[in-house]
Amino acid sequence: MENNYHVPVLLQECIDGLNIKPNGVYVDVTFGGGGHSREILKHLGPDGVLVAFDQDPDAQRNKIDDPRFRFVDQNFGYMKNHLRLLGIKQVDGILADLGVSSHQFNEPERGFSTRFEADLDMRMDQQRALTAAVVLNTYAEENLHKIFGLYGEVQNAKSLARTIVTARLDNPIQTLSGFKNIIAAHIPRGKEHKYMAQVFQALRIEVNAEIEVLEHFLEQSAEVLKPGGRLVVMSYHSLEDRPVKNFLAKGKFRGEVEKDFFGNDQKPFNVITRKAIVADAEELARNSRSRSAKLRIGERISLPLTSVGGKGGRASE
């Protein structure tokens, strides 16, 4: 049952954000335990369609037996192409619940958690060749420095990278315990859990190309959503939230919003959530994973923002 796999976060808020039409076509790009997908199906009529993506083989065991349901065992960075293969060019809503599922954290052999002794793997797609061990044993010192600083916001990223590169000359770094022993001198006393979580986050993002995949997905969402369609994205740290926030507000990840000849904003979405939606006290007590969740919603703009003779075409947020 999906509750043993992963408890869906901000479930009702996600459903409300999608503004589901009974006969619409919807996409859940992070199927996982299927909690959000099952709820979407409850709101669809017999002509509705739900397409779910998940590259994790474990998630396939949660597939839903429903004629309206389609499952794609691929990374959501290729969403547009796989929708086309299903004969779907446009959809009414897209949901993304980013990050690692509770199930993945709780499976020791996957290497996502700092709680279990395991090989340093961290692959969401287990067909990929790149593991956390490969990163630690083969990346140049300056690349490790960049990864730990940028993706993990690790304070002593430079000295950490140098220690790793020196230590691996003697023996390859393969396991969590071996890695911890090597970097023990860099871990602040009393902040061991937070420090290791930052280091693991950096490695996981690199192994799975998470930021690159997220940006590709966001760009594709603007292409496949129908006018008036909703994009609902839940993130768990600032590195994910920042590109989501920028793309919804500006249609780009860096810089200012583009403007047309008349000075109107050229962006694909109206922002529905001026501030990110977060979990209330009841959900925080029930599900600790919701603590860092931020939900943002955008609606695909239905008409060009340009209007003859001036700046009157900007839709309200």
Protein backbone atom coordinates (compact mmCIF):
# COMPACT_ATOMS: atom_id res chain seq x y z
CA MET A 1 0.00 0.00 0.00
CA GLU A 2 1.31 3.45 -0.82
CA ASN A 3 1.18 4.65 2.80
CA ASN A 4 3.96 2.21 3.66
CA TYR A 5 5.98 3.50 0.72
CA HIS A 6 5.56 7.25 1.00
CA VAL A 7 2.99 9.51 2.65
CA PRO A 8 1.90 12.15 0.13
CA VAL A 9 2.68 15.70 1.25
CA LEU A 10 0.17 18.59 0.97
CA LEU A 11 -2.22 16.21 -0.76
CA GLN A 12 -5.36 18.35 -0.71
CA GLU A 13 -3.45 21.50 -1.60
CA CYS A 14 -1.99 19.73 -4.66
CA ILE A 15 -5.42 18.55 -5.80
CA ASP A 16 -6.93 22.01 -5.29
CA GLY A 17 -4.00 23.54 -7.19
CA LEU A 18 -4.55 21.28 -10.21
CA ASN A 19 -8.15 22.50 -10.49
CA ILE A 20 -9.08 19.13 -12.03
CA LYS A 21 -11.54 18.83 -14.91
CA PRO A 22 -13.28 15.42 -14.92
CA ASN A 23 -12.50 14.82 -18.61
CA GLY A 24 -8.99 16.30 -18.52
CA VAL A 25 -5.54 14.84 -19.12
CA TYR A 26 -3.18 15.04 -16.14
CA VAL A 27 0.44 14.09 -15.48
CA ASP A 28 2.03 13.03 -12.19
CA VAL A 29 5.74 13.12 -12.99
CA THR A 30 6.84 11.73 -9.61
CA PHE A 31 4.56 8.73 -9.06
CA GLY A 32 6.41 7.07 -6.15
CA GLY A 33 3.87 5.36 -3.93
CA GLY A 34 1.00 6.66 -6.02
CA GLY A 35 -0.69 8.67 -3.27
CA HIS A 36 -1.17 11.82 -5.32
CA SER A 37 -2.11 9.81 -8.43
CA ARG A 38 -4.84 7.89 -6.63
CA GLU A 39 -6.34 11.13 -5.41
CA ILE A 40 -6.25 12.66 -8.90
CA LEU A 41 -8.08 9.61 -10.30
CA LYS A 42 -10.88 10.12 -7.75
CA HIS A 43 -11.59 13.48 -9.39
CA LEU A 44 -11.50 12.22 -12.98
CA GLY A 45 -14.52 10.96 -14.90
CA PRO A 46 -14.53 7.94 -17.23
CA ASP A 47 -13.00 10.02 -20.06
CA GLY A 48 -10.19 11.47 -17.96
CA VAL A 49 -6.57 10.34 -18.33
CA LEU A 50 -3.69 10.27 -15.87
CA VAL A 51 -0.12 9.64 -17.01
CA ALA A 52 2.42 8.86 -14.27
CA PHE A 53 6.22 8.94 -14.59
CA ASP A 54 8.76 7.23 -12.34
CA GLN A 55 12.22 5.91 -13.19
CA ASP A 56 12.55 4.00 -9.89
CA PRO A 57 11.91 0.25 -10.40
CA ASP A 58 10.45 0.05 -6.88
CA ALA A 59 7.70 2.51 -7.84
CA GLN A 60 6.47 0.20 -10.60
CA ARG A 61 5.12 -2.16 -7.95
CA ASN A 62 2.60 0.55 -7.00
CA LYS A 63 1.09 0.87 -10.50
CA ILE A 64 -2.67 1.44 -10.47
CA ASP A 65 -5.05 -0.95 -12.21
CA ASP A 66 -7.35 1.57 -13.84
CA PRO A 67 -8.22 2.04 -17.55
CA ARG A 68 -7.62 5.80 -17.21
CA PHE A 69 -4.07 5.27 -15.90
CA ARG A 70 -0.86 5.14 -17.97
CA PHE A 71 2.56 4.46 -16.43
CA VAL A 72 5.87 5.57 -17.99
CA ASP A 73 9.02 4.09 -16.43
CA GLN A 74 11.22 7.03 -17.43
CA ASN A 75 12.80 10.15 -16.01
CA PHE A 76 10.40 13.13 -16.16
CA GLY A 77 13.11 15.17 -17.86
CA TYR A 78 11.86 13.45 -21.03
CA MET A 79 8.17 14.13 -20.32
CA LYS A 80 7.30 15.82 -23.61
CA ASN A 81 8.70 13.06 -25.83
CA HIS A 82 7.03 10.26 -23.88
CA LEU A 83 3.68 12.05 -23.88
CA ARG A 84 3.99 12.33 -27.66
CA LEU A 85 4.65 8.56 -27.85
CA LEU A 86 1.32 8.09 -26.05
CA GLY A 87 -0.38 10.37 -28.59
CA ILE A 88 -0.72 13.23 -26.10
CA LYS A 89 0.34 16.71 -27.24
CA GLN A 90 -1.29 18.86 -24.56
CA VAL A 91 -2.45 18.29 -20.99
CA ASP A 92 -4.63 20.07 -18.44
CA GLY A 93 -2.38 19.76 -15.43
CA ILE A 94 1.03 18.59 -14.25
CA LEU A 95 2.08 17.67 -10.71
CA ALA A 96 5.69 17.27 -9.51
CA ASP A 97 6.66 16.20 -5.98
CA LEU A 98 10.44 16.65 -6.09
CA GLY A 99 13.16 15.07 -4.00
CA VAL A 100 13.61 11.58 -2.56
CA SER A 101 10.68 9.49 -1.34
CA SER A 102 10.45 8.11 2.19
CA HIS A 103 10.76 4.64 0.69
CA GLN A 104 14.09 5.47 -0.97
CA PHE A 105 15.46 6.88 2.27
CA ASN A 106 14.36 3.77 4.15
CA GLU A 107 15.98 1.27 1.77
CA PRO A 108 19.55 0.87 3.10
CA GLU A 109 20.98 -0.60 -0.10
CA ARG A 110 19.97 2.48 -2.11
CA GLY A 111 22.54 4.55 -0.20
CA PHE A 112 20.36 7.67 0.15
CA SER A 113 20.33 7.79 3.94
CA THR A 114 23.08 8.65 6.40
CA ARG A 115 21.42 6.28 8.91
CA PHE A 116 22.42 2.98 7.31
CA GLU A 117 25.73 1.36 6.45
CA ALA A 118 25.67 0.87 2.69
CA ASP A 119 27.58 1.32 -0.54
CA LEU A 120 27.58 4.92 -1.77
CA ASP A 121 25.02 4.58 -4.57
CA MET A 122 22.21 7.23 -4.55
CA ARG A 123 20.92 6.50 -8.06
CA MET A 124 17.20 7.05 -8.59
CA ASP A 125 17.56 5.32 -11.95
CA GLN A 126 19.55 2.18 -11.20
CA GLN A 127 20.43 1.77 -14.89
CA ARG A 128 22.72 4.80 -14.69
CA ALA A 129 26.47 4.21 -14.37
CA LEU A 130 27.19 7.25 -12.19
CA THR A 131 27.02 6.54 -8.44
CA ALA A 132 28.06 8.61 -5.43
CA ALA A 133 31.15 6.37 -5.12
CA VAL A 134 32.12 7.14 -8.72
CA VAL A 135 31.79 10.88 -8.02
CA LEU A 136 33.95 10.65 -4.89
CA ASN A 137 36.62 8.49 -6.51
CA THR A 138 36.95 10.09 -9.95
CA TYR A 139 35.94 13.77 -9.85
CA ALA A 140 38.69 16.37 -9.79
CA GLU A 141 39.20 18.31 -6.57
CA GLU A 142 37.80 21.54 -8.02
CA ASN A 143 34.66 19.74 -9.20
CA LEU A 144 34.07 18.18 -5.79
CA HIS A 145 34.59 21.62 -4.22
CA LYS A 146 31.98 23.09 -6.55
CA ILE A 147 29.45 20.30 -5.94
CA PHE A 148 29.68 20.46 -2.14
CA GLY A 149 29.56 24.24 -2.13
CA LEU A 150 26.82 24.74 -4.70
CA TYR A 151 24.53 21.74 -4.13
CA GLY A 152 25.15 21.13 -0.43
CA GLU A 153 26.03 24.65 0.75
CA VAL A 154 28.78 22.96 2.81
CA GLN A 155 30.84 25.60 4.64
CA ASN A 156 34.21 23.86 4.38
CA ALA A 157 33.66 22.51 0.86
CA LYS A 158 37.20 23.26 -0.34
CA SER A 159 39.05 21.46 2.46
CA LEU A 160 36.52 18.61 2.33
CA ALA A 161 37.25 18.09 -1.37
CA ARG A 162 41.01 18.13 -0.76
CA THR A 163 40.72 15.51 2.00
CA ILE A 164 38.66 13.20 -0.25
CA VAL A 165 41.11 13.46 -3.15
CA THR A 166 44.06 12.73 -0.83
CA ALA A 167 42.38 9.80 0.93
CA ARG A 168 41.32 8.00 -2.25
CA LEU A 169 44.96 7.69 -3.34
CA ASP A 170 45.33 4.96 -0.71
CA ASN A 171 41.97 3.20 -1.02
CA PRO A 172 38.75 3.78 -3.03
CA ILE A 173 35.84 5.29 -1.08
CA GLN A 174 32.98 2.78 -1.31
CA THR A 175 30.89 2.74 1.88
CA LEU A 176 29.20 5.21 4.22
CA SER A 177 31.35 4.20 7.21
CA GLY A 178 34.55 4.52 5.20
CA PHE A 179 33.48 7.94 3.92
CA LYS A 180 32.60 9.15 7.42
CA ASN A 181 35.98 8.02 8.76
CA ILE A 182 37.79 9.94 6.01
CA ILE A 183 35.94 13.21 6.56
CA ALA A 184 35.49 12.92 10.36
CA ALA A 185 37.75 15.89 11.08
CA HIS A 186 35.56 18.17 8.92
CA ILE A 187 32.24 17.34 10.62
CA PRO A 188 31.27 20.05 13.17
CA ARG A 189 30.68 18.62 16.62
CA GLY A 190 27.03 18.66 17.57
CA LYS A 191 25.98 19.18 13.94
CA GLU A 192 26.90 15.77 12.55
CA HIS A 193 23.45 14.97 11.15
CA LYS A 194 22.99 18.33 9.43
CA TYR A 195 26.48 18.28 7.94
CA MET A 196 26.15 14.75 6.54
CA ALA A 197 22.69 15.60 5.18
CA GLN A 198 24.20 18.54 3.26
CA VAL A 199 27.04 16.40 1.90
CA PHE A 200 24.62 13.63 0.87
CA GLN A 201 22.28 16.15 -0.75
CA ALA A 202 25.15 17.47 -2.86
CA LEU A 203 26.17 13.99 -3.99
CA ARG A 204 22.58 12.93 -4.74
CA ILE A 205 21.88 16.04 -6.84
CA GLU A 206 25.06 15.43 -8.85
CA VAL A 207 24.46 11.69 -9.34
CA ASN A 208 20.91 12.26 -10.60
CA ALA A 209 21.51 15.58 -12.43
CA GLU A 210 18.52 16.86 -10.46
CA ILE A 211 18.77 20.59 -11.22
CA GLU A 212 19.35 20.04 -14.94
CA VAL A 213 16.43 17.58 -15.12
CA LEU A 214 14.19 20.00 -13.19
CA GLU A 215 14.96 22.88 -15.58
CA HIS A 216 14.29 20.69 -18.63
CA PHE A 217 11.01 19.58 -17.09
CA LEU A 218 9.85 23.13 -16.32
CA GLU A 219 10.58 24.27 -19.89
CA GLN A 220 8.64 21.30 -21.27
CA SER A 221 5.71 21.96 -18.95
CA ALA A 222 5.17 25.34 -20.60
CA GLU A 223 5.11 23.60 -23.99
CA VAL A 224 2.65 20.81 -23.16
CA LEU A 225 0.18 22.57 -20.87
CA LYS A 226 -3.02 23.83 -22.46
CA PRO A 227 -3.97 27.46 -21.92
CA GLY A 228 -5.49 27.59 -18.43
CA GLY A 229 -3.71 24.37 -17.45
CA ARG A 230 -2.02 24.19 -14.06
CA LEU A 231 1.55 23.39 -13.05
CA VAL A 232 1.84 22.30 -9.40
CA VAL A 233 5.37 21.78 -8.05
CA MET A 234 6.45 20.80 -4.55
CA SER A 235 10.10 21.24 -3.58
CA TYR A 236 12.08 20.51 -0.42
CA HIS A 237 15.13 22.75 -0.53
CA SER A 238 16.09 26.12 -1.97
CA LEU A 239 18.06 24.68 -4.89
CA GLU A 240 14.81 23.16 -6.20
CA ASP A 241 12.49 25.97 -5.12
CA ARG A 242 14.52 28.76 -6.73
CA PRO A 243 14.25 27.58 -10.37
CA VAL A 244 10.55 26.76 -9.86
CA LYS A 245 9.85 30.21 -8.43
CA ASN A 246 11.86 32.00 -11.14
CA PHE A 247 10.36 30.04 -14.02
CA LEU A 248 6.77 30.58 -12.87
CA ALA A 249 7.40 34.30 -12.33
CA LYS A 250 9.61 35.06 -15.34
CA GLY A 251 9.58 32.13 -17.74
CA LYS A 252 13.35 31.79 -17.25
CA PHE A 253 15.78 30.70 -14.54
CA ARG A 254 18.11 33.67 -14.44
CA GLY A 255 17.79 37.35 -15.24
CA GLU A 256 14.71 39.50 -15.65
CA VAL A 257 11.49 38.68 -17.47
CA GLU A 258 11.55 39.32 -21.23
CA LYS A 259 9.28 42.05 -22.58
CA ASP A 260 7.69 42.53 -25.98
CA PHE A 261 7.73 45.65 -28.16
CA PHE A 262 4.94 47.23 -26.09
CA GLY A 263 6.63 46.49 -22.73
CA ASN A 264 4.38 43.57 -21.79
CA ASP A 265 5.88 40.64 -19.90
CA GLN A 266 6.59 37.60 -22.04
CA LYS A 267 6.19 34.69 -19.66
CA PRO A 268 4.20 31.46 -19.95
CA PHE A 269 2.57 31.40 -16.51
CA ASN A 270 0.48 33.45 -14.18
CA VAL A 271 1.56 32.79 -10.61
CA ILE A 272 -1.35 31.47 -8.53
CA THR A 273 0.66 31.28 -5.30
CA ARG A 274 2.24 34.63 -4.46
CA LYS A 275 3.88 32.89 -1.49
CA ALA A 276 4.69 29.20 -1.39
CA ILE A 277 2.10 27.00 0.35
CA VAL A 278 3.51 25.17 3.38
CA ALA A 279 2.14 22.45 5.66
CA ASP A 280 -0.08 23.38 8.60
CA ALA A 281 0.54 22.26 12.19
CA GLU A 282 -1.66 19.18 11.84
CA GLU A 283 0.26 17.87 8.82
CA LEU A 284 3.61 18.70 10.40
CA ALA A 285 2.67 16.54 13.39
CA ARG A 286 1.50 13.71 11.12
CA ASN A 287 4.29 13.74 8.54
CA SER A 288 7.75 15.12 9.37
CA ARG A 289 8.75 15.16 5.68
CA SER A 290 6.26 17.99 5.10
CA ARG A 291 8.38 20.32 7.27
CA SER A 292 10.51 21.59 4.39
CA ALA A 293 7.90 21.32 1.61
CA LYS A 294 7.08 24.39 -0.48
CA LEU A 295 4.25 24.21 -2.99
CA ARG A 296 4.03 26.61 -5.93
CA ILE A 297 1.30 26.79 -8.58
CA GLY A 298 1.23 28.44 -11.99
CA GLU A 299 -1.48 28.68 -14.65
CA ARG A 300 -0.58 28.61 -18.32
CA ILE A 301 -1.48 31.97 -19.83
CA SER A 302 -4.28 31.57 -22.33
CA LEU A 303 -3.85 34.71 -24.45
CA PRO A 304 -0.84 36.65 -25.71
CA LEU A 305 0.08 39.39 -23.28
CA THR A 306 0.51 41.92 -26.09
CA SER A 307 -2.38 44.20 -26.83
CA VAL A 308 -2.70 46.74 -29.62
CA GLY A 309 -1.50 50.16 -28.55
CA GLY A 310 -0.18 49.52 -25.07
CA LYS A 311 0.40 47.63 -21.88
CA GLY A 312 -3.09 46.50 -21.05
CA GLY A 313 -2.56 42.82 -21.68
CA ARG A 314 -0.94 41.67 -18.45
CA ALA A 315 -3.06 39.16 -16.59
CA SER A 316 -3.44 39.47 -12.85
CA GLU A 317 -1.65 37.05 -10.54
